[in-house]
Structure formats: structure tokens, C-alpha cells
């Protein structure tokens, strides 16, 4: 996390299981999620936010894109769909709305 802080990203969410979310300059977010257990062949998970998630998934499916999991609501207040890129890296399409930058558990500013 120190590396990303040094790049100018601000830590806004941290979970004990290894998930961290940073706010980038300009308001975009960047997330890291540490996998438990042995390192998988493709440990990277890429997150793309899209406001019209269900419609985007339907459009991609109509073009032949295969999803591992259709859109569903996560307990951390995001809606997600899961797929993989051609190299096997995990991709999460999601919509978080206000909860992306301001979840109920957002870290408090210390200064």
C-alpha cells in the first residue's frame, strides 16, 4: 500500500483479508485484492465500473462474450458480473454508485 500512496493515491478502504481501494487524483478509484492460498495461474483481477451494468452485460453476451457469473449484488454494496480475458485474468464489471468513493466503512481522514 505504501507504494501506491507514494504514487499519489489515497487509501480510502482497507479490509483485513487484503482488499484495498485507493482514490486516484481526479476521482477514479483503483482496487487491489490479495488472493488467499496458493497463487493462482492468473492472480490479476481487473475492475471496470459501468453505470448500466446489466445492459452492458446483455450487450456483450449478444456479441458472444462468455460470463462466469451474471450480474449479482455483493455484500459490499456493489453489483458485479464476472468474466475472464483471453489470457485467463479475472475481470469484474461493476456498478458501485456512491459506495465506490463513500462506502459506510470509508476510512476517516486524519488531518
PDB file of N, CA and C in Angstrom:
ATOM      1  N   UNK A   1       0.813  -1.192   0.000  1.00  0.00           N
ATOM      2  CA  UNK A   1       0.000   0.000   0.000  1.00  0.00           C
ATOM      3  C   UNK A   1       0.859   1.259   0.000  1.00  0.00           C
ATOM      4  N   UNK A   2       1.997   1.185   0.656  1.00  0.00           N
ATOM      5  CA  UNK A   2       2.879   2.350   0.700  1.00  0.00           C
ATOM      6  C   UNK A   2       3.307   2.759  -0.710  1.00  0.00           C
ATOM      7  N   UNK A   3       3.533   1.776  -1.581  1.00  0.00           N
ATOM      8  CA  UNK A   3       3.920   2.065  -2.953  1.00  0.00           C
ATOM      9  C   UNK A   3       2.860   2.910  -3.645  1.00  0.00           C
ATOM     10  N   UNK A   4       1.598   2.518  -3.511  1.00  0.00           N
ATOM     11  CA  UNK A   4       0.517   3.246  -4.183  1.00  0.00           C
ATOM     12  C   UNK A   4       0.276   4.608  -3.540  1.00  0.00           C
ATOM     13  N   UNK A   5       0.459   4.707  -2.232  1.00  0.00           N
ATOM     14  CA  UNK A   5       0.387   6.019  -1.573  1.00  0.00           C
ATOM     15  C   UNK A   5       1.473   6.937  -2.128  1.00  0.00           C
ATOM     16  N   UNK A   6       2.666   6.385  -2.342  1.00  0.00           N
ATOM     17  CA  UNK A   6       3.766   7.184  -2.867  1.00  0.00           C
ATOM     18  C   UNK A   6       3.483   7.660  -4.290  1.00  0.00           C
ATOM     19  N   UNK A   7       2.645   6.925  -5.010  1.00  0.00           N
ATOM     20  CA  UNK A   7       2.267   7.333  -6.361  1.00  0.00           C
ATOM     21  C   UNK A   7       1.208   8.439  -6.355  1.00  0.00           C
ATOM     22  N   UNK A   8       0.735   8.788  -5.150  1.00  0.00           N
ATOM     23  CA  UNK A   8      -0.263   9.853  -5.048  1.00  0.00           C
ATOM     24  C   UNK A   8      -1.680   9.362  -4.897  1.00  0.00           C
ATOM     25  N   UNK A   9      -1.845   8.058  -4.698  1.00  0.00           N
ATOM     26  CA  UNK A   9      -3.183   7.514  -4.488  1.00  0.00           C
ATOM     27  C   UNK A   9      -3.515   7.544  -3.002  1.00  0.00           C
ATOM     28  N   UNK A  10      -4.764   7.827  -2.675  1.00  0.00           N
ATOM     29  CA  UNK A  10      -5.194   7.947  -1.280  1.00  0.00           C
ATOM     30  C   UNK A  10      -5.990   6.706  -0.879  1.00  0.00           C
ATOM     31  N   UNK A  11      -5.526   5.998   0.149  1.00  0.00           N
ATOM     32  CA  UNK A  11      -6.219   4.812   0.646  1.00  0.00           C
ATOM     33  C   UNK A  11      -7.559   5.233   1.240  1.00  0.00           C
ATOM     34  N   UNK A  12      -8.653   4.658   0.731  1.00  0.00           N
ATOM     35  CA  UNK A  12      -9.969   5.014   1.260  1.00  0.00           C
ATOM     36  C   UNK A  12     -10.702   3.821   1.865  1.00  0.00           C
ATOM     37  N   UNK A  13     -10.303   2.577   1.511  1.00  0.00           N
ATOM     38  CA  UNK A  13     -10.915   1.381   2.093  1.00  0.00           C
ATOM     39  C   UNK A  13      -9.818   0.351   2.292  1.00  0.00           C
ATOM     40  N   UNK A  14      -9.824  -0.300   3.457  1.00  0.00           N
ATOM     41  CA  UNK A  14      -8.892  -1.407   3.705  1.00  0.00           C
ATOM     42  C   UNK A  14      -9.627  -2.478   4.482  1.00  0.00           C
ATOM     43  N   UNK A  15      -9.546  -3.713   4.017  1.00  0.00           N
ATOM     44  CA  UNK A  15     -10.162  -4.844   4.705  1.00  0.00           C
ATOM     45  C   UNK A  15      -9.067  -5.812   5.125  1.00  0.00           C
ATOM     46  N   UNK A  16      -9.228  -6.432   6.272  1.00  0.00           N
ATOM     47  CA  UNK A  16      -8.199  -7.312   6.830  1.00  0.00           C
ATOM     48  C   UNK A  16      -7.831  -8.461   5.899  1.00  0.00           C
ATOM     49  N   UNK A  17      -8.752  -8.903   5.054  1.00  0.00           N
ATOM     50  CA  UNK A  17      -8.460 -10.034   4.168  1.00  0.00           C
ATOM     51  C   UNK A  17      -7.575  -9.650   2.985  1.00  0.00           C
ATOM     52  N   UNK A  18      -7.170  -8.376   2.883  1.00  0.00           N
ATOM     53  CA  UNK A  18      -6.215  -7.983   1.863  1.00  0.00           C
ATOM     54  C   UNK A  18      -6.779  -7.128   0.744  1.00  0.00           C
ATOM     55  N   UNK A  19      -7.994  -6.633   0.892  1.00  0.00           N
ATOM     56  CA  UNK A  19      -8.579  -5.767  -0.123  1.00  0.00           C
ATOM     57  C   UNK A  19      -8.300  -4.315   0.235  1.00  0.00           C
ATOM     58  N   UNK A  20      -7.884  -3.531  -0.752  1.00  0.00           N
ATOM     59  CA  UNK A  20      -7.649  -2.106  -0.538  1.00  0.00           C
ATOM     60  C   UNK A  20      -8.181  -1.336  -1.741  1.00  0.00           C
ATOM     61  N   UNK A  21      -8.770  -0.166  -1.463  1.00  0.00           N
ATOM     62  CA  UNK A  21      -9.235   0.723  -2.534  1.00  0.00           C
ATOM     63  C   UNK A  21      -8.622   2.087  -2.329  1.00  0.00           C
ATOM     64  N   UNK A  22      -8.130   2.643  -3.427  1.00  0.00           N
ATOM     65  CA  UNK A  22      -7.483   3.945  -3.407  1.00  0.00           C
ATOM     66  C   UNK A  22      -8.278   4.904  -4.284  1.00  0.00           C
ATOM     67  N   UNK A  23      -8.279   6.178  -3.890  1.00  0.00           N
ATOM     68  CA  UNK A  23      -8.829   7.225  -4.736  1.00  0.00           C
ATOM     69  C   UNK A  23      -7.675   7.857  -5.501  1.00  0.00           C
ATOM     70  N   UNK A  24      -7.822   7.912  -6.809  1.00  0.00           N
ATOM     71  CA  UNK A  24      -6.806   8.499  -7.676  1.00  0.00           C
ATOM     72  C   UNK A  24      -7.075   9.994  -7.837  1.00  0.00           C
ATOM     73  N   UNK A  25      -6.052  10.762  -8.169  1.00  0.00           N
ATOM     74  CA  UNK A  25      -6.304  12.162  -8.497  1.00  0.00           C
ATOM     75  C   UNK A  25      -7.354  12.230  -9.614  1.00  0.00           C
ATOM     76  N   UNK A  26      -8.332  13.081  -9.444  1.00  0.00           N
ATOM     77  CA  UNK A  26      -9.396  13.198 -10.432  1.00  0.00           C
ATOM     78  C   UNK A  26     -10.638  12.400 -10.088  1.00  0.00           C
ATOM     79  N   UNK A  27     -10.570  11.553  -9.027  1.00  0.00           N
ATOM     80  CA  UNK A  27     -11.766  10.868  -8.558  1.00  0.00           C
ATOM     81  C   UNK A  27     -11.937   9.427  -8.991  1.00  0.00           C
ATOM     82  N   UNK A  28     -11.122   8.916  -9.908  1.00  0.00           N
ATOM     83  CA  UNK A  28     -11.209   7.499 -10.261  1.00  0.00           C
ATOM     84  C   UNK A  28     -10.724   6.677  -9.070  1.00  0.00           C
ATOM     85  N   UNK A  29     -11.043   5.393  -9.055  1.00  0.00           N
ATOM     86  CA  UNK A  29     -10.563   4.531  -7.983  1.00  0.00           C
ATOM     87  C   UNK A  29      -9.764   3.376  -8.562  1.00  0.00           C
ATOM     88  N   UNK A  30      -8.914   2.817  -7.721  1.00  0.00           N
ATOM     89  CA  UNK A  30      -8.068   1.686  -8.066  1.00  0.00           C
ATOM     90  C   UNK A  30      -8.144   0.718  -6.898  1.00  0.00           C
ATOM     91  N   UNK A  31      -8.366  -0.572  -7.170  1.00  0.00           N
ATOM     92  CA  UNK A  31      -8.510  -1.562  -6.102  1.00  0.00           C
ATOM     93  C   UNK A  31      -7.481  -2.670  -6.234  1.00  0.00           C
ATOM     94  N   UNK A  32      -7.061  -3.190  -5.099  1.00  0.00           N
ATOM     95  CA  UNK A  32      -6.191  -4.359  -5.012  1.00  0.00           C
ATOM     96  C   UNK A  32      -6.904  -5.397  -4.167  1.00  0.00           C
ATOM     97  N   UNK A  33      -6.793  -6.664  -4.557  1.00  0.00           N
ATOM     98  CA  UNK A  33      -7.415  -7.732  -3.786  1.00  0.00           C
ATOM     99  C   UNK A  33      -6.444  -8.895  -3.712  1.00  0.00           C
ATOM    100  N   UNK A  34      -5.907  -9.143  -2.522  1.00  0.00           N
ATOM    101  CA  UNK A  34      -4.940 -10.225  -2.315  1.00  0.00           C
ATOM    102  C   UNK A  34      -5.685 -11.553  -2.251  1.00  0.00           C
ATOM    103  N   UNK A  35      -5.228 -12.505  -3.038  1.00  0.00           N
ATOM    104  CA  UNK A  35      -5.828 -13.831  -3.037  1.00  0.00           C
ATOM    105  C   UNK A  35      -5.297 -14.648  -1.863  1.00  0.00           C
ATOM    106  N   UNK A  36      -6.168 -15.437  -1.242  1.00  0.00           N
ATOM    107  CA  UNK A  36      -5.748 -16.348  -0.184  1.00  0.00           C
ATOM    108  C   UNK A  36      -5.249 -17.653  -0.804  1.00  0.00           C
ATOM    109  N   UNK A  37      -4.405 -18.365  -0.089  1.00  0.00           N
ATOM    110  CA  UNK A  37      -3.944 -19.662  -0.541  1.00  0.00           C
ATOM    111  C   UNK A  37      -2.861 -19.541  -1.583  1.00  0.00           C
ATOM    112  N   UNK A  38      -2.654 -20.638  -2.334  1.00  0.00           N
ATOM    113  CA  UNK A  38      -1.601 -20.619  -3.351  1.00  0.00           C
ATOM    114  C   UNK A  38      -1.898 -19.572  -4.421  1.00  0.00           C
ATOM    115  N   UNK A  39      -0.847 -19.029  -5.009  1.00  0.00           N
ATOM    116  CA  UNK A  39      -1.025 -18.019  -6.045  1.00  0.00           C
ATOM    117  C   UNK A  39      -1.606 -18.703  -7.279  1.00  0.00           C
ATOM    118  N   UNK A  40      -2.753 -18.226  -7.750  1.00  0.00           N
ATOM    119  CA  UNK A  40      -3.349 -18.838  -8.944  1.00  0.00           C
ATOM    120  C   UNK A  40      -2.520 -18.527 -10.190  1.00  0.00           C
ATOM    121  N   UNK A  41      -2.797 -19.252 -11.276  1.00  0.00           N
ATOM    122  CA  UNK A  41      -2.085 -19.018 -12.531  1.00  0.00           C
ATOM    123  C   UNK A  41      -2.247 -17.584 -13.002  1.00  0.00           C
ATOM    124  N   UNK A  42      -3.399 -16.999 -12.758  1.00  0.00           N
ATOM    125  CA  UNK A  42      -3.692 -15.634 -13.187  1.00  0.00           C
ATOM    126  C   UNK A  42      -4.193 -14.845 -11.983  1.00  0.00           C
ATOM    127  N   UNK A  43      -3.274 -14.306 -11.175  1.00  0.00           N
ATOM    128  CA  UNK A  43      -3.692 -13.659  -9.935  1.00  0.00           C
ATOM    129  C   UNK A  43      -4.283 -12.260 -10.114  1.00  0.00           C
ATOM    130  N   UNK A  44      -4.270 -11.735 -11.321  1.00  0.00           N
ATOM    131  CA  UNK A  44      -4.742 -10.375 -11.535  1.00  0.00           C
ATOM    132  C   UNK A  44      -6.260 -10.344 -11.674  1.00  0.00           C
ATOM    133  N   UNK A  45      -6.890  -9.391 -10.987  1.00  0.00           N
ATOM    134  CA  UNK A  45      -8.305  -9.103 -11.189  1.00  0.00           C
ATOM    135  C   UNK A  45      -8.407  -7.646 -11.592  1.00  0.00           C
ATOM    136  N   UNK A  46      -9.058  -7.397 -12.714  1.00  0.00           N
ATOM    137  CA  UNK A  46      -9.221  -6.046 -13.246  1.00  0.00           C
ATOM    138  C   UNK A  46     -10.680  -5.649 -13.059  1.00  0.00           C
ATOM    139  N   UNK A  47     -10.896  -4.450 -12.505  1.00  0.00           N
ATOM    140  CA  UNK A  47     -12.247  -3.962 -12.258  1.00  0.00           C
ATOM    141  C   UNK A  47     -12.556  -2.813 -13.213  1.00  0.00           C
ATOM    142  N   UNK A  48     -13.706  -2.896 -13.880  1.00  0.00           N
ATOM    143  CA  UNK A  48     -14.200  -1.812 -14.728  1.00  0.00           C
ATOM    144  C   UNK A  48     -15.583  -1.422 -14.233  1.00  0.00           C
ATOM    145  N   UNK A  49     -15.755  -0.143 -13.942  1.00  0.00           N
ATOM    146  CA  UNK A  49     -17.056   0.320 -13.473  1.00  0.00           C
ATOM    147  C   UNK A  49     -17.897   0.787 -14.656  1.00  0.00           C
ATOM    148  N   UNK A  50     -19.162   0.382 -14.658  1.00  0.00           N
ATOM    149  CA  UNK A  50     -20.091   0.871 -15.681  1.00  0.00           C
ATOM    150  C   UNK A  50     -21.469   1.027 -15.051  1.00  0.00           C
ATOM    151  N   UNK A  51     -22.032   2.207 -15.269  1.00  0.00           N
ATOM    152  CA  UNK A  51     -23.308   2.562 -14.632  1.00  0.00           C
ATOM    153  C   UNK A  51     -24.446   1.658 -15.089  1.00  0.00           C
ATOM    154  N   UNK A  52     -24.444   1.282 -16.347  1.00  0.00           N
ATOM    155  CA  UNK A  52     -25.513   0.447 -16.894  1.00  0.00           C
ATOM    156  C   UNK A  52     -25.057  -1.012 -16.981  1.00  0.00           C
ATOM    157  N   UNK A  53     -24.676  -1.570 -15.845  1.00  0.00           N
ATOM    158  CA  UNK A  53     -24.055  -2.899 -15.789  1.00  0.00           C
ATOM    159  C   UNK A  53     -24.900  -3.975 -16.463  1.00  0.00           C
ATOM    160  N   UNK A  54     -26.156  -4.098 -16.093  1.00  0.00           N
ATOM    161  CA  UNK A  54     -26.979  -5.184 -16.638  1.00  0.00           C
ATOM    162  C   UNK A  54     -27.126  -5.068 -18.163  1.00  0.00           C
ATOM    163  N   UNK A  55     -27.312  -3.848 -18.652  1.00  0.00           N
ATOM    164  CA  UNK A  55     -27.435  -3.644 -20.091  1.00  0.00           C
ATOM    165  C   UNK A  55     -26.109  -3.921 -20.795  1.00  0.00           C
ATOM    166  N   UNK A  56     -25.000  -3.534 -20.163  1.00  0.00           N
ATOM    167  CA  UNK A  56     -23.674  -3.789 -20.744  1.00  0.00           C
ATOM    168  C   UNK A  56     -23.424  -5.283 -20.854  1.00  0.00           C
ATOM    169  N   UNK A  57     -23.759  -6.026 -19.806  1.00  0.00           N
ATOM    170  CA  UNK A  57     -23.566  -7.483 -19.835  1.00  0.00           C
ATOM    171  C   UNK A  57     -24.423  -8.101 -20.944  1.00  0.00           C
ATOM    172  N   UNK A  58     -25.670  -7.683 -21.048  1.00  0.00           N
ATOM    173  CA  UNK A  58     -26.557  -8.221 -22.090  1.00  0.00           C
ATOM    174  C   UNK A  58     -25.986  -7.936 -23.478  1.00  0.00           C
ATOM    175  N   UNK A  59     -25.485  -6.727 -23.688  1.00  0.00           N
ATOM    176  CA  UNK A  59     -24.914  -6.351 -24.978  1.00  0.00           C
ATOM    177  C   UNK A  59     -23.682  -7.200 -25.297  1.00  0.00           C
ATOM    178  N   UNK A  60     -22.802  -7.379 -24.294  1.00  0.00           N
ATOM    179  CA  UNK A  60     -21.595  -8.184 -24.507  1.00  0.00           C
ATOM    180  C   UNK A  60     -21.944  -9.647 -24.774  1.00  0.00           C
ATOM    181  N   UNK A  61     -22.925 -10.178 -24.051  1.00  0.00           N
ATOM    182  CA  UNK A  61     -23.341 -11.562 -24.289  1.00  0.00           C
ATOM    183  C   UNK A  61     -23.877 -11.732 -25.707  1.00  0.00           C
ATOM    184  N   UNK A  62     -24.597 -10.732 -26.206  1.00  0.00           N
ATOM    185  CA  UNK A  62     -25.137 -10.818 -27.569  1.00  0.00           C
ATOM    186  C   UNK A  62     -24.016 -10.832 -28.610  1.00  0.00           C
ATOM    187  N   UNK A  63     -22.826 -10.372 -28.206  1.00  0.00           N
ATOM    188  CA  UNK A  63     -21.656 -10.388 -29.095  1.00  0.00           C
ATOM    189  C   UNK A  63     -20.798 -11.629 -28.877  1.00  0.00           C
ATOM    190  N   UNK A  64     -21.261 -12.546 -28.023  1.00  0.00           N
ATOM    191  CA  UNK A  64     -20.545 -13.796 -27.807  1.00  0.00           C
ATOM    192  C   UNK A  64     -19.610 -13.821 -26.621  1.00  0.00           C
ATOM    193  N   UNK A  65     -19.557 -12.751 -25.826  1.00  0.00           N
ATOM    194  CA  UNK A  65     -18.698 -12.745 -24.640  1.00  0.00           C
ATOM    195  C   UNK A  65     -19.311 -13.671 -23.594  1.00  0.00           C
ATOM    196  N   UNK A  66     -18.478 -14.541 -23.034  1.00  0.00           N
ATOM    197  CA  UNK A  66     -18.937 -15.516 -22.047  1.00  0.00           C
ATOM    198  C   UNK A  66     -18.654 -14.990 -20.642  1.00  0.00           C
ATOM    199  N   UNK A  67     -19.648 -15.033 -19.785  1.00  0.00           N
ATOM    200  CA  UNK A  67     -19.512 -14.602 -18.395  1.00  0.00           C
ATOM    201  C   UNK A  67     -19.501 -15.817 -17.480  1.00  0.00           C
ATOM    202  N   UNK A  68     -18.646 -15.767 -16.463  1.00  0.00           N
ATOM    203  CA  UNK A  68     -18.625 -16.816 -15.449  1.00  0.00           C
ATOM    204  C   UNK A  68     -19.784 -16.639 -14.473  1.00  0.00           C
ATOM    205  N   UNK A  69     -20.188 -15.378 -14.297  1.00  0.00           N
ATOM    206  CA  UNK A  69     -21.291 -15.088 -13.374  1.00  0.00           C
ATOM    207  C   UNK A  69     -22.004 -13.834 -13.853  1.00  0.00           C
ATOM    208  N   UNK A  70     -23.312 -13.946 -14.010  1.00  0.00           N
ATOM    209  CA  UNK A  70     -24.128 -12.808 -14.411  1.00  0.00           C
ATOM    210  C   UNK A  70     -24.190 -11.785 -13.280  1.00  0.00           C
ATOM    211  N   UNK A  71     -24.663 -10.576 -13.564  1.00  0.00           N
ATOM    212  CA  UNK A  71     -24.707  -9.538 -12.524  1.00  0.00           C
ATOM    213  C   UNK A  71     -25.434  -9.996 -11.257  1.00  0.00           C
ATOM    214  N   UNK A  72     -24.799  -9.689 -10.123  1.00  0.00           N
ATOM    215  CA  UNK A  72     -25.374 -10.029  -8.819  1.00  0.00           C
ATOM    216  C   UNK A  72     -24.929  -8.980  -7.814  1.00  0.00           C
ATOM    217  N   UNK A  73     -25.681  -8.866  -6.732  1.00  0.00           N
ATOM    218  CA  UNK A  73     -25.377  -7.888  -5.689  1.00  0.00           C
ATOM    219  C   UNK A  73     -24.395  -8.472  -4.686  1.00  0.00           C
ATOM    220  N   UNK A  74     -23.341  -7.717  -4.406  1.00  0.00           N
ATOM    221  CA  UNK A  74     -22.321  -8.119  -3.444  1.00  0.00           C
ATOM    222  C   UNK A  74     -22.658  -7.549  -2.067  1.00  0.00           C
ATOM    223  N   UNK A  75     -22.195  -8.198  -0.987  1.00  0.00           N
ATOM    224  CA  UNK A  75     -22.456  -7.662   0.358  1.00  0.00           C
ATOM    225  C   UNK A  75     -21.755  -6.326   0.613  1.00  0.00           C
ATOM    226  N   UNK A  76     -20.748  -5.992  -0.203  1.00  0.00           N
ATOM    227  CA  UNK A  76     -20.061  -4.712  -0.024  1.00  0.00           C
ATOM    228  C   UNK A  76     -20.688  -3.613  -0.878  1.00  0.00           C
ATOM    229  N   UNK A  77     -21.958  -3.812  -1.247  1.00  0.00           N
ATOM    230  CA  UNK A  77     -22.814  -2.786  -1.857  1.00  0.00           C
ATOM    231  C   UNK A  77     -22.483  -2.462  -3.304  1.00  0.00           C
ATOM    232  N   UNK A  78     -21.842  -3.404  -4.012  1.00  0.00           N
ATOM    233  CA  UNK A  78     -21.609  -3.263  -5.443  1.00  0.00           C
ATOM    234  C   UNK A  78     -22.430  -4.313  -6.160  1.00  0.00           C
ATOM    235  N   UNK A  79     -22.727  -4.071  -7.414  1.00  0.00           N
ATOM    236  CA  UNK A  79     -23.311  -5.077  -8.298  1.00  0.00           C
ATOM    237  C   UNK A  79     -22.201  -5.457  -9.272  1.00  0.00           C
ATOM    238  N   UNK A  80     -21.969  -6.759  -9.448  1.00  0.00           N
ATOM    239  CA  UNK A  80     -20.839  -7.239 -10.244  1.00  0.00           C
ATOM    240  C   UNK A  80     -21.248  -8.324 -11.225  1.00  0.00           C
ATOM    241  N   UNK A  81     -20.479  -8.442 -12.292  1.00  0.00           N
ATOM    242  CA  UNK A  81     -20.526  -9.572 -13.211  1.00  0.00           C
ATOM    243  C   UNK A  81     -19.085 -10.033 -13.411  1.00  0.00           C
ATOM    244  N   UNK A  82     -18.876 -11.345 -13.545  1.00  0.00           N
ATOM    245  CA  UNK A  82     -17.523 -11.903 -13.632  1.00  0.00           C
ATOM    246  C   UNK A  82     -17.284 -12.557 -14.988  1.00  0.00           C
ATOM    247  N   UNK A  83     -16.104 -12.304 -15.529  1.00  0.00           N
ATOM    248  CA  UNK A  83     -15.658 -12.938 -16.758  1.00  0.00           C
ATOM    249  C   UNK A  83     -14.139 -12.995 -16.747  1.00  0.00           C
ATOM    250  N   UNK A  84     -13.550 -13.557 -17.798  1.00  0.00           N
ATOM    251  CA  UNK A  84     -12.093 -13.621 -17.930  1.00  0.00           C
ATOM    252  C   UNK A  84     -11.684 -13.114 -19.297  1.00  0.00           C
ATOM    253  N   UNK A  85     -10.477 -12.536 -19.337  1.00  0.00           N
ATOM    254  CA  UNK A  85      -9.950 -12.112 -20.630  1.00  0.00           C
ATOM    255  C   UNK A  85      -9.334 -13.334 -21.321  1.00  0.00           C
ATOM    256  N   UNK A  86      -8.895 -13.194 -22.570  1.00  0.00           N
ATOM    257  CA  UNK A  86      -8.345 -14.354 -23.282  1.00  0.00           C
ATOM    258  C   UNK A  86      -7.128 -14.979 -22.608  1.00  0.00           C
ATOM    259  N   UNK A  87      -6.402 -14.233 -21.764  1.00  0.00           N
ATOM    260  CA  UNK A  87      -5.254 -14.786 -21.053  1.00  0.00           C
ATOM    261  C   UNK A  87      -5.636 -15.439 -19.734  1.00  0.00           C
ATOM    262  N   UNK A  88      -6.918 -15.393 -19.370  1.00  0.00           N
ATOM    263  CA  UNK A  88      -7.371 -16.014 -18.136  1.00  0.00           C
ATOM    264  C   UNK A  88      -7.426 -15.075 -16.943  1.00  0.00           C
ATOM    265  N   UNK A  89      -7.054 -13.810 -17.104  1.00  0.00           N
ATOM    266  CA  UNK A  89      -7.146 -12.854 -15.993  1.00  0.00           C
ATOM    267  C   UNK A  89      -8.602 -12.568 -15.676  1.00  0.00           C
ATOM    268  N   UNK A  90      -8.890 -12.466 -14.392  1.00  0.00           N
ATOM    269  CA  UNK A  90     -10.258 -12.193 -13.953  1.00  0.00           C
ATOM    270  C   UNK A  90     -10.630 -10.740 -14.242  1.00  0.00           C
ATOM    271  N   UNK A  91     -11.852 -10.549 -14.709  1.00  0.00           N
ATOM    272  CA  UNK A  91     -12.385  -9.210 -14.932  1.00  0.00           C
ATOM    273  C   UNK A  91     -13.702  -9.108 -14.177  1.00  0.00           C
ATOM    274  N   UNK A  92     -13.871  -7.993 -13.496  1.00  0.00           N
ATOM    275  CA  UNK A  92     -15.115  -7.700 -12.799  1.00  0.00           C
ATOM    276  C   UNK A  92     -15.687  -6.422 -13.396  1.00  0.00           C
ATOM    277  N   UNK A  93     -16.855  -6.524 -14.002  1.00  0.00           N
ATOM    278  CA  UNK A  93     -17.605  -5.345 -14.376  1.00  0.00           C
ATOM    279  C   UNK A  93     -18.494  -5.041 -13.188  1.00  0.00           C
ATOM    280  N   UNK A  94     -18.567  -3.788 -12.785  1.00  0.00           N
ATOM    281  CA  UNK A  94     -19.336  -3.485 -11.577  1.00  0.00           C
ATOM    282  C   UNK A  94     -19.962  -2.110 -11.647  1.00  0.00           C
ATOM    283  N   UNK A  95     -20.948  -1.915 -10.792  1.00  0.00           N
ATOM    284  CA  UNK A  95     -21.528  -0.606 -10.543  1.00  0.00           C
ATOM    285  C   UNK A  95     -21.608  -0.446  -9.040  1.00  0.00           C
ATOM    286  N   UNK A  96     -20.990   0.608  -8.534  1.00  0.00           N
ATOM    287  CA  UNK A  96     -20.963   0.860  -7.092  1.00  0.00           C
ATOM    288  C   UNK A  96     -21.674   2.147  -6.723  1.00  0.00           C
ATOM    289  N   UNK A  97     -21.891   3.015  -7.687  1.00  0.00           N
ATOM    290  CA  UNK A  97     -22.544   4.285  -7.390  1.00  0.00           C
ATOM    291  C   UNK A  97     -21.786   5.059  -6.318  1.00  0.00           C
ATOM    292  N   UNK A  98     -22.514   5.654  -5.411  1.00  0.00           N
ATOM    293  CA  UNK A  98     -21.934   6.455  -4.325  1.00  0.00           C
ATOM    294  C   UNK A  98     -21.019   5.617  -3.429  1.00  0.00           C
ATOM    295  N   UNK A  99     -21.258   4.304  -3.360  1.00  0.00           N
ATOM    296  CA  UNK A  99     -20.470   3.442  -2.481  1.00  0.00           C
ATOM    297  C   UNK A  99     -19.044   3.216  -2.969  1.00  0.00           C
ATOM    298  N   UNK A 100     -18.730   3.601  -4.216  1.00  0.00           N
ATOM    299  CA  UNK A 100     -17.358   3.449  -4.702  1.00  0.00           C
ATOM    300  C   UNK A 100     -16.424   4.375  -3.939  1.00  0.00           C
ATOM    301  N   UNK A 101     -16.795   5.636  -3.805  1.00  0.00           N
ATOM    302  CA  UNK A 101     -15.948   6.601  -3.102  1.00  0.00           C
ATOM    303  C   UNK A 101     -16.342   6.787  -1.641  1.00  0.00           C
ATOM    304  N   UNK A 102     -17.583   6.545  -1.317  1.00  0.00           N
ATOM    305  CA  UNK A 102     -18.056   6.822   0.045  1.00  0.00           C
ATOM    306  C   UNK A 102     -18.843   5.664   0.641  1.00  0.00           C
ATOM    307  N   UNK A 103     -18.212   4.483   0.776  1.00  0.00           N
ATOM    308  CA  UNK A 103     -18.920   3.383   1.419  1.00  0.00           C
ATOM    309  C   UNK A 103     -19.083   3.679   2.908  1.00  0.00           C
ATOM    310  N   UNK A 104     -20.035   3.023   3.572  1.00  0.00           N
ATOM    311  CA  UNK A 104     -20.229   3.275   5.001  1.00  0.00           C
ATOM    312  C   UNK A 104     -18.961   3.047   5.834  1.00  0.00           C
ATOM    313  N   UNK A 105     -18.042   2.228   5.358  1.00  0.00           N
ATOM    314  CA  UNK A 105     -16.826   1.901   6.109  1.00  0.00           C
ATOM    315  C   UNK A 105     -15.603   2.673   5.610  1.00  0.00           C
ATOM    316  N   UNK A 106     -15.816   3.752   4.864  1.00  0.00           N
ATOM    317  CA  UNK A 106     -14.679   4.539   4.362  1.00  0.00           C
ATOM    318  C   UNK A 106     -13.797   4.988   5.521  1.00  0.00           C
ATOM    319  N   UNK A 107     -12.479   4.940   5.315  1.00  0.00           N
ATOM    320  CA  UNK A 107     -11.540   5.393   6.334  1.00  0.00           C
ATOM    321  C   UNK A 107     -11.695   6.882   6.546  1.00  0.00           C
ATOM    322  N   UNK A 108     -11.551   7.330   7.756  1.00  0.00           N
ATOM    323  CA  UNK A 108     -11.679   8.751   8.085  1.00  0.00           C
ATOM    324  C   UNK A 108     -10.378   9.474   7.756  1.00  0.00           C
ATOM    325  N   UNK A 109     -10.500  10.687   7.259  1.00  0.00           N
ATOM    326  CA  UNK A 109      -9.316  11.498   7.001  1.00  0.00           C
ATOM    327  C   UNK A 109      -8.641  11.836   8.327  1.00  0.00           C
ATOM    328  N   UNK A 110      -7.307  11.794   8.335  1.00  0.00           N
ATOM    329  CA  UNK A 110      -6.546  12.045   9.574  1.00  0.00           C
ATOM    330  C   UNK A 110      -5.836  13.393   9.506  1.00  0.00           C
ATOM    331  N   UNK A 111      -6.476  14.391   9.121  1.00  0.00           N
ATOM    332  CA  UNK A 111      -5.709  15.604   9.088  1.00  0.00           C
ATOM    333  C   UNK A 111      -6.506  16.729   8.639  1.00  0.00           C
TER     334      UNK A 111
END
